[in-house]
PDB file of N, CA and C in Angstrom:
ATOM      1  N   MET A   1      93.441  95.980 105.586  1.00  0.00           N
ATOM      2  CA  MET A   1      94.083  95.018 105.260  1.00  0.00           C
ATOM      3  C   MET A   1      93.464  94.432 103.897  1.00  0.00           C
ATOM      4  N   ALA A   2      91.916  93.888 104.621  1.00  0.00           N
ATOM      5  CA  ALA A   2      90.881  92.838 103.825  1.00  0.00           C
ATOM      6  C   ALA A   2      90.803  93.972 102.342  1.00  0.00           C
ATOM      7  N   VAL A   3      90.800  95.242 102.204  1.00  0.00           N
ATOM      8  CA  VAL A   3      90.711  95.646 101.148  1.00  0.00           C
ATOM      9  C   VAL A   3      92.316  95.621 100.018  1.00  0.00           C
ATOM     10  N   MET A   4      93.273  95.558 100.689  1.00  0.00           N
ATOM     11  CA  MET A   4      94.299  95.414 100.068  1.00  0.00           C
ATOM     12  C   MET A   4      94.523  93.789  99.513  1.00  0.00           C
ATOM     13  N   ILE A   5      94.120  92.867 100.501  1.00  0.00           N
ATOM     14  CA  ILE A   5      94.044  91.754  99.706  1.00  0.00           C
ATOM     15  C   ILE A   5      93.107  91.912  98.312  1.00  0.00           C
ATOM     16  N   ARG A   6      91.760  92.047  98.707  1.00  0.00           N
ATOM     17  CA  ARG A   6      91.103  91.791  97.638  1.00  0.00           C
ATOM     18  C   ARG A   6      91.961  92.783  96.229  1.00  0.00           C
ATOM     19  N   TRP A   7      92.380  93.970  96.483  1.00  0.00           N
ATOM     20  CA  TRP A   7      92.541  94.516  95.440  1.00  0.00           C
ATOM     21  C   TRP A   7      93.860  93.781  94.773  1.00  0.00           C
ATOM     22  N   CYS A   8      94.615  92.915  95.301  1.00  0.00           N
ATOM     23  CA  CYS A   8      96.065  92.019  95.089  1.00  0.00           C
ATOM     24  C   CYS A   8      95.264  91.204  94.077  1.00  0.00           C
ATOM     25  N   THR A   9      94.366  90.283  94.697  1.00  0.00           N
ATOM     26  CA  THR A   9      93.565  89.304  93.975  1.00  0.00           C
ATOM     27  C   THR A   9      93.092  89.615  92.822  1.00  0.00           C
ATOM     28  N   LEU A  10      92.313  91.175  92.471  1.00  0.00           N
ATOM     29  CA  LEU A  10      92.064  91.680  91.548  1.00  0.00           C
ATOM     30  C   LEU A  10      92.920  91.787  90.133  1.00  0.00           C
ATOM     31  N   LEU A  11      94.057  92.229  91.097  1.00  0.00           N
ATOM     32  CA  LEU A  11      95.316  92.723  90.047  1.00  0.00           C
ATOM     33  C   LEU A  11      95.705  91.405  89.375  1.00  0.00           C
ATOM     34  N   PHE A  12      96.242  90.311  90.353  1.00  0.00           N
ATOM     35  CA  PHE A  12      96.250  89.244  89.498  1.00  0.00           C
ATOM     36  C   PHE A  12      95.628  88.720  88.716  1.00  0.00           C
ATOM     37  N   VAL A  13      94.087  88.479  88.861  1.00  0.00           N
ATOM     38  CA  VAL A  13      93.483  87.972  88.037  1.00  0.00           C
ATOM     39  C   VAL A  13      93.453  88.990  86.741  1.00  0.00           C
ATOM     40  N   CYS A  14      93.141  89.833  86.895  1.00  0.00           N
ATOM     41  CA  CYS A  14      93.625  90.822  85.771  1.00  0.00           C
ATOM     42  C   CYS A  14      94.803  90.642  84.694  1.00  0.00           C
ATOM     43  N   SER A  15      95.740  90.414  85.544  1.00  0.00           N
ATOM     44  CA  SER A  15      97.068  90.512  84.624  1.00  0.00           C
ATOM     45  C   SER A  15      97.041  88.886  84.066  1.00  0.00           C
ATOM     46  N   SER A  16      96.120  88.061  84.795  1.00  0.00           N
ATOM     47  CA  SER A  16      96.529  86.404  84.238  1.00  0.00           C
ATOM     48  C   SER A  16      95.515  86.526  82.883  1.00  0.00           C
ATOM     49  N   VAL A  17      94.295  87.098  82.904  1.00  0.00           N
ATOM     50  CA  VAL A  17      93.772  87.169  82.038  1.00  0.00           C
ATOM     51  C   VAL A  17      94.284  87.670  80.912  1.00  0.00           C
ATOM     52  N   LEU A  18      94.686  89.186  80.674  1.00  0.00           N
ATOM     53  CA  LEU A  18      95.301  89.970  80.115  1.00  0.00           C
ATOM     54  C   LEU A  18      96.802  89.365  79.172  1.00  0.00           C
ATOM     55  N   THR A  19      97.650  88.066  80.145  1.00  0.00           N
ATOM     56  CA  THR A  19      98.752  87.727  79.804  1.00  0.00           C
ATOM     57  C   THR A  19      98.039  86.723  78.726  1.00  0.00           C
ATOM     58  N   PHE A  20      96.790  85.673  79.270  1.00  0.00           N
ATOM     59  CA  PHE A  20      96.310  84.951  77.916  1.00  0.00           C
ATOM     60  C   PHE A  20      95.922  85.352  77.095  1.00  0.00           C
ATOM     61  N   SER A  21      95.427  86.284  77.328  1.00  0.00           N
ATOM     62  CA  SER A  21      94.456  87.268  76.021  1.00  0.00           C
ATOM     63  C   SER A  21      95.630  87.500  74.910  1.00  0.00           C
ATOM     64  N   THR A  22      96.370  88.141  75.292  1.00  0.00           N
ATOM     65  CA  THR A  22      97.694  88.364  74.436  1.00  0.00           C
ATOM     66  C   THR A  22      98.611  87.938  73.956  1.00  0.00           C
ATOM     67  N   HIS A  23      99.271  86.641  74.391  1.00  0.00           N
ATOM     68  CA  HIS A  23      99.752  85.787  74.203  1.00  0.00           C
ATOM     69  C   HIS A  23      99.249  84.446  73.413  1.00  0.00           C
ATOM     70  N   GLN A  24      97.957  84.426  73.703  1.00  0.00           N
ATOM     71  CA  GLN A  24      97.071  83.161  73.326  1.00  0.00           C
ATOM     72  C   GLN A  24      96.375  83.546  72.431  1.00  0.00           C
ATOM     73  N   ALA A  25      96.366  83.485  71.117  1.00  0.00           N
ATOM     74  CA  ALA A  25      95.317  83.947  70.117  1.00  0.00           C
ATOM     75  C   ALA A  25      94.046  82.965  70.015  1.00  0.00           C
ATOM     76  N   PRO A  26      93.151  82.979  70.153  1.00  0.00           N
ATOM     77  CA  PRO A  26      91.936  82.267  70.049  1.00  0.00           C
ATOM     78  C   PRO A  26      91.265  82.008  68.745  1.00  0.00           C
ATOM     79  N   THR A  27      92.377  82.269  67.690  1.00  0.00           N
ATOM     80  CA  THR A  27      91.792  81.324  66.578  1.00  0.00           C
ATOM     81  C   THR A  27      93.502  81.608  66.033  1.00  0.00           C
ATOM     82  N   THR A  28      93.737  80.478  64.771  1.00  0.00           N
ATOM     83  CA  THR A  28      95.077  80.205  64.087  1.00  0.00           C
ATOM     84  C   THR A  28      94.760  81.575  62.808  1.00  0.00           C
ATOM     85  N   ASN A  29      95.655  81.934  62.138  1.00  0.00           N
ATOM     86  CA  ASN A  29      95.729  82.568  61.221  1.00  0.00           C
ATOM     87  C   ASN A  29      94.717  82.618  60.025  1.00  0.00           C
ATOM     88  N   ASP A  30      94.625  81.348  59.992  1.00  0.00           N
ATOM     89  CA  ASP A  30      93.585  81.121  58.609  1.00  0.00           C
ATOM     90  C   ASP A  30      92.298  81.281  58.889  1.00  0.00           C
ATOM     91  N   GLY A  31      92.164  81.632  60.355  1.00  0.00           N
ATOM     92  CA  GLY A  31      90.664  81.776  61.151  1.00  0.00           C
ATOM     93  C   GLY A  31      89.838  80.358  61.766  1.00  0.00           C
ATOM     94  N   ASN A  32      90.861  79.328  61.626  1.00  0.00           N
ATOM     95  CA  ASN A  32      90.333  78.090  62.207  1.00  0.00           C
ATOM     96  C   ASN A  32      90.751  78.412  63.631  1.00  0.00           C
ATOM     97  N   PRO A  33      89.845  77.373  64.594  1.00  0.00           N
ATOM     98  CA  PRO A  33      89.776  77.817  66.384  1.00  0.00           C
ATOM     99  C   PRO A  33      91.081  77.210  66.710  1.00  0.00           C
ATOM    100  N   ALA A  34      91.857  77.500  67.635  1.00  0.00           N
ATOM    101  CA  ALA A  34      93.191  77.029  68.511  1.00  0.00           C
ATOM    102  C   ALA A  34      92.711  75.802  69.173  1.00  0.00           C
ATOM    103  N   GLU A  35      93.505  75.031  68.926  1.00  0.00           N
ATOM    104  CA  GLU A  35      93.521  73.712  69.696  1.00  0.00           C
ATOM    105  C   GLU A  35      94.753  73.707  70.891  1.00  0.00           C
ATOM    106  N   TYR A  36      94.104  73.241  72.020  1.00  0.00           N
ATOM    107  CA  TYR A  36      95.245  73.326  72.963  1.00  0.00           C
ATOM    108  C   TYR A  36      94.874  71.580  73.892  1.00  0.00           C
ATOM    109  N   GLU A  37      96.251  71.605  74.744  1.00  0.00           N
ATOM    110  CA  GLU A  37      96.026  70.290  75.422  1.00  0.00           C
ATOM    111  C   GLU A  37      95.835  71.294  76.730  1.00  0.00           C
ATOM    112  N   LEU A  38      94.836  70.717  77.637  1.00  0.00           N
ATOM    113  CA  LEU A  38      94.407  71.556  78.458  1.00  0.00           C
ATOM    114  C   LEU A  38      94.472  70.349  79.662  1.00  0.00           C
ATOM    115  N   ILE A  39      95.613  70.976  81.077  1.00  0.00           N
ATOM    116  CA  ILE A  39      95.325  69.792  82.008  1.00  0.00           C
ATOM    117  C   ILE A  39      94.827  70.649  82.902  1.00  0.00           C
ATOM    118  N   LEU A  40      93.997  70.036  83.951  1.00  0.00           N
ATOM    119  CA  LEU A  40      93.456  70.407  85.045  1.00  0.00           C
ATOM    120  C   LEU A  40      93.935  69.692  86.286  1.00  0.00           C
ATOM    121  N   GLN A  41      94.464  70.879  87.068  1.00  0.00           N
ATOM    122  CA  GLN A  41      94.750  69.832  88.318  1.00  0.00           C
ATOM    123  C   GLN A  41      94.062  70.457  89.398  1.00  0.00           C
ATOM    124  N   GLN A  42      92.917  69.382  90.169  1.00  0.00           N
ATOM    125  CA  GLN A  42      92.190  70.008  91.102  1.00  0.00           C
ATOM    126  C   GLN A  42      92.808  69.508  92.689  1.00  0.00           C
ATOM    127  N   GLU A  43      92.721  70.184  93.647  1.00  0.00           N
ATOM    128  CA  GLU A  43      93.409  69.788  94.694  1.00  0.00           C
ATOM    129  C   GLU A  43      92.378  69.538  95.721  1.00  0.00           C
ATOM    130  N   ASP A  44      92.272  68.479  96.370  1.00  0.00           N
ATOM    131  CA  ASP A  44      91.633  67.973  97.462  1.00  0.00           C
ATOM    132  C   ASP A  44      91.728  68.753  99.031  1.00  0.00           C
ATOM    133  N   LYS A  45      90.792  68.169  99.676  1.00  0.00           N
ATOM    134  CA  LYS A  45      91.021  68.808 100.813  1.00  0.00           C
ATOM    135  C   LYS A  45      91.927  68.281 101.971  1.00  0.00           C
ATOM    136  N   ASP A  46      92.720  67.248 101.085  1.00  0.00           N
ATOM    137  CA  ASP A  46      93.993  66.666 101.831  1.00  0.00           C
ATOM    138  C   ASP A  46      95.506  67.298 101.358  1.00  0.00           C
ATOM    139  N   GLY A  47      95.210  67.799 100.315  1.00  0.00           N
ATOM    140  CA  GLY A  47      95.953  68.867  99.608  1.00  0.00           C
ATOM    141  C   GLY A  47      96.626  67.916  98.334  1.00  0.00           C
ATOM    142  N   ASN A  48      96.154  66.782  98.126  1.00  0.00           N
ATOM    143  CA  ASN A  48      96.456  65.821  97.178  1.00  0.00           C
ATOM    144  C   ASN A  48      95.970  66.471  95.509  1.00  0.00           C
ATOM    145  N   ILE A  49      96.758  66.131  94.684  1.00  0.00           N
ATOM    146  CA  ILE A  49      96.507  66.830  93.424  1.00  0.00           C
ATOM    147  C   ILE A  49      95.773  65.743  92.292  1.00  0.00           C
ATOM    148  N   LYS A  50      94.796  66.112  91.638  1.00  0.00           N
ATOM    149  CA  LYS A  50      94.178  64.998  90.810  1.00  0.00           C
ATOM    150  C   LYS A  50      94.261  65.785  89.625  1.00  0.00           C
ATOM    151  N   THR A  51      94.573  65.044  88.552  1.00  0.00           N
ATOM    152  CA  THR A  51      95.230  65.519  87.039  1.00  0.00           C
ATOM    153  C   THR A  51      94.178  65.009  86.082  1.00  0.00           C
ATOM    154  N   GLU A  52      94.034  66.026  84.997  1.00  0.00           N
ATOM    155  CA  GLU A  52      92.736  65.386  84.172  1.00  0.00           C
ATOM    156  C   GLU A  52      93.350  66.174  82.842  1.00  0.00           C
ATOM    157  N   ARG A  53      93.680  65.335  81.815  1.00  0.00           N
ATOM    158  CA  ARG A  53      93.989  65.873  80.659  1.00  0.00           C
ATOM    159  C   ARG A  53      93.069  65.859  79.656  1.00  0.00           C
ATOM    160  N   LYS A  54      92.911  66.610  78.708  1.00  0.00           N
ATOM    161  CA  LYS A  54      92.360  67.042  77.506  1.00  0.00           C
ATOM    162  C   LYS A  54      92.154  67.619  76.330  1.00  0.00           C
ATOM    163  N   LYS A  55      91.977  67.450  75.184  1.00  0.00           N
ATOM    164  CA  LYS A  55      92.109  68.509  73.863  1.00  0.00           C
ATOM    165  C   LYS A  55      91.236  68.919  73.929  1.00  0.00           C
ATOM    166  N   ILE A  56      91.111  70.476  73.808  1.00  0.00           N
ATOM    167  CA  ILE A  56      90.254  71.561  73.851  1.00  0.00           C
ATOM    168  C   ILE A  56      90.149  72.267  72.525  1.00  0.00           C
ATOM    169  N   THR A  57      89.066  72.624  72.031  1.00  0.00           N
ATOM    170  CA  THR A  57      89.068  73.402  70.644  1.00  0.00           C
ATOM    171  C   THR A  57      88.344  75.125  71.694  1.00  0.00           C
ATOM    172  N   VAL A  58      89.290  76.058  71.243  1.00  0.00           N
ATOM    173  CA  VAL A  58      89.099  77.378  71.551  1.00  0.00           C
ATOM    174  C   VAL A  58      88.536  77.930  70.393  1.00  0.00           C
ATOM    175  N   TRP A  59      87.327  78.320  70.509  1.00  0.00           N
ATOM    176  CA  TRP A  59      86.908  79.549  69.339  1.00  0.00           C
ATOM    177  C   TRP A  59      87.063  80.908  69.929  1.00  0.00           C
ATOM    178  N   ALA A  60      86.759  81.086  71.204  1.00  0.00           N
ATOM    179  CA  ALA A  60      86.639  82.741  71.496  1.00  0.00           C
ATOM    180  C   ALA A  60      87.210  82.560  73.089  1.00  0.00           C
ATOM    181  N   VAL A  61      88.503  83.238  73.610  1.00  0.00           N
ATOM    182  CA  VAL A  61      89.266  83.369  74.573  1.00  0.00           C
ATOM    183  C   VAL A  61      87.749  83.721  75.447  1.00  0.00           C
ATOM    184  N   GLU A  62      87.012  84.859  75.457  1.00  0.00           N
ATOM    185  CA  GLU A  62      86.459  85.226  76.354  1.00  0.00           C
ATOM    186  C   GLU A  62      85.513  83.609  77.053  1.00  0.00           C
ATOM    187  N   ASP A  63      85.184  82.769  76.004  1.00  0.00           N
ATOM    188  CA  ASP A  63      84.351  81.493  76.186  1.00  0.00           C
ATOM    189  C   ASP A  63      85.217  80.640  77.385  1.00  0.00           C
ATOM    190  N   PHE A  64      86.160  80.641  77.080  1.00  0.00           N
ATOM    191  CA  PHE A  64      87.605  79.555  77.735  1.00  0.00           C
ATOM    192  C   PHE A  64      87.257  80.288  79.006  1.00  0.00           C
ATOM    193  N   TRP A  65      87.320  81.706  79.242  1.00  0.00           N
ATOM    194  CA  TRP A  65      87.244  81.858  80.577  1.00  0.00           C
ATOM    195  C   TRP A  65      86.261  81.582  81.508  1.00  0.00           C
ATOM    196  N   SER A  66      85.312  81.902  80.745  1.00  0.00           N
ATOM    197  CA  SER A  66      83.767  81.718  81.650  1.00  0.00           C
ATOM    198  C   SER A  66      83.689  80.416  82.178  1.00  0.00           C
ATOM    199  N   GLU A  67      84.282  79.661  81.338  1.00  0.00           N
ATOM    200  CA  GLU A  67      84.013  78.230  81.861  1.00  0.00           C
ATOM    201  C   GLU A  67      85.329  77.799  82.694  1.00  0.00           C
ATOM    202  N   TYR A  68      86.246  78.300  82.699  1.00  0.00           N
ATOM    203  CA  TYR A  68      87.361  78.308  83.840  1.00  0.00           C
ATOM    204  C   TYR A  68      87.828  79.408  84.676  1.00  0.00           C
ATOM    205  N   ARG A  69      86.625  80.263  84.919  1.00  0.00           N
ATOM    206  CA  ARG A  69      86.990  81.481  85.827  1.00  0.00           C
ATOM    207  C   ARG A  69      87.602  81.198  87.271  1.00  0.00           C
ATOM    208  N   ASP A  70      87.216  80.015  87.707  1.00  0.00           N
ATOM    209  CA  ASP A  70      87.740  79.506  89.313  1.00  0.00           C
ATOM    210  C   ASP A  70      89.089  79.016  89.136  1.00  0.00           C
ATOM    211  N   TRP A  71      89.688  79.078  87.930  1.00  0.00           N
ATOM    212  CA  TRP A  71      90.705  78.298  87.903  1.00  0.00           C
ATOM    213  C   TRP A  71      91.940  79.049  87.865  1.00  0.00           C
ATOM    214  N   GLU A  72      93.169  78.742  88.446  1.00  0.00           N
ATOM    215  CA  GLU A  72      94.579  79.494  88.613  1.00  0.00           C
ATOM    216  C   GLU A  72      95.467  78.941  87.102  1.00  0.00           C
ATOM    217  N   ILE A  73      95.959  80.010  86.507  1.00  0.00           N
ATOM    218  CA  ILE A  73      97.308  79.611  85.406  1.00  0.00           C
ATOM    219  C   ILE A  73      98.093  79.247  86.202  1.00  0.00           C
ATOM    220  N   ILE A  74      98.597  77.646  85.913  1.00  0.00           N
ATOM    221  CA  ILE A  74     100.054  77.262  86.516  1.00  0.00           C
ATOM    222  C   ILE A  74     100.977  77.632  85.263  1.00  0.00           C
ATOM    223  N   ASP A  75     100.771  77.139  83.937  1.00  0.00           N
ATOM    224  CA  ASP A  75     101.525  77.531  82.769  1.00  0.00           C
ATOM    225  C   ASP A  75     100.871  77.325  81.696  1.00  0.00           C
ATOM    226  N   GLN A  76     101.552  77.989  80.685  1.00  0.00           N
ATOM    227  CA  GLN A  76     100.710  78.064  79.106  1.00  0.00           C
ATOM    228  C   GLN A  76     101.534  78.060  78.507  1.00  0.00           C
ATOM    229  N   ASN A  77     101.410  77.713  76.970  1.00  0.00           N
ATOM    230  CA  ASN A  77     102.361  78.062  75.728  1.00  0.00           C
ATOM    231  C   ASN A  77     101.439  77.862  74.628  1.00  0.00           C
ATOM    232  N   GLN A  78     101.572  77.864  73.616  1.00  0.00           N
ATOM    233  CA  GLN A  78     101.133  77.887  72.325  1.00  0.00           C
ATOM    234  C   GLN A  78     100.124  76.646  72.175  1.00  0.00           C
ATOM    235  N   SER A  79     100.529  75.506  72.701  1.00  0.00           N
ATOM    236  CA  SER A  79      99.890  74.215  72.617  1.00  0.00           C
ATOM    237  C   SER A  79      99.263  73.660  73.759  1.00  0.00           C
ATOM    238  N   ARG A  80      99.541  74.143  75.138  1.00  0.00           N
ATOM    239  CA  ARG A  80      99.319  73.379  76.049  1.00  0.00           C
ATOM    240  C   ARG A  80      98.864  74.577  77.272  1.00  0.00           C
ATOM    241  N   ILE A  81      97.805  74.541  78.318  1.00  0.00           N
ATOM    242  CA  ILE A  81      97.404  75.120  79.203  1.00  0.00           C
ATOM    243  C   ILE A  81      97.040  74.388  80.262  1.00  0.00           C
ATOM    244  N   ILE A  82      97.900  74.754  81.452  1.00  0.00           N
ATOM    245  CA  ILE A  82      97.650  74.260  82.549  1.00  0.00           C
ATOM    246  C   ILE A  82      97.136  75.353  83.853  1.00  0.00           C
ATOM    247  N   LEU A  83      96.014  74.555  84.494  1.00  0.00           N
ATOM    248  CA  LEU A  83      95.336  75.418  85.206  1.00  0.00           C
ATOM    249  C   LEU A  83      94.978  74.400  86.532  1.00  0.00           C
ATOM    250  N   ARG A  84      94.999  74.930  87.831  1.00  0.00           N
ATOM    251  CA  ARG A  84      94.882  74.603  88.855  1.00  0.00           C
ATOM    252  C   ARG A  84      93.654  75.137  90.016  1.00  0.00           C
ATOM    253  N   LYS A  85      93.036  74.119  90.527  1.00  0.00           N
ATOM    254  CA  LYS A  85      91.834  74.455  91.380  1.00  0.00           C
ATOM    255  C   LYS A  85      92.135  74.312  92.746  1.00  0.00           C
ATOM    256  N   SER A  86      92.635  75.145  93.814  1.00  0.00           N
ATOM    257  CA  SER A  86      92.882  74.674  94.888  1.00  0.00           C
ATOM    258  C   SER A  86      91.348  74.396  95.774  1.00  0.00           C
ATOM    259  N   HIS A  87      91.922  73.591  96.519  1.00  0.00           N
ATOM    260  CA  HIS A  87      90.517  73.248  97.870  1.00  0.00           C
ATOM    261  C   HIS A  87      91.056  74.385  98.430  1.00  0.00           C
ATOM    262  N   LYS A  88      89.394  74.951  98.844  1.00  0.00           N
ATOM    263  CA  LYS A  88      89.589  76.164  99.887  1.00  0.00           C
ATOM    264  C   LYS A  88      89.148  75.569 101.082  1.00  0.00           C
ATOM    265  N   ARG A  89      89.529  76.120 102.052  1.00  0.00           N
ATOM    266  CA  ARG A  89      89.891  75.865 103.241  1.00  0.00           C
ATOM    267  C   ARG A  89      89.261  76.636 104.360  1.00  0.00           C
ATOM    268  N   SER A  90      88.790  76.564 104.937  1.00  0.00           N
ATOM    269  CA  SER A  90      87.928  77.588 106.210  1.00  0.00           C
ATOM    270  C   SER A  90      89.130  77.669 107.429  1.00  0.00           C
TER     271      SER A  90
END
């Protein structure tokens, strides 16, 4: 069962990365970096969500995902990315 859960998690992460990299170009057609509104939703231990909004410049998708690898994609489009980090329950 644990192996199946790990496999499903891996598939989800891979599909999320592929979706982002194929639908969100890291640069514009003129070679400039892409700009996004990034919305970070962080859940605390009581289930409350703290939201932070910021403008980011993405030169390379790989760099973006190395910084936010522990976050889950909630929504994305050409101008906005919403990520959530859930509180780890033990």
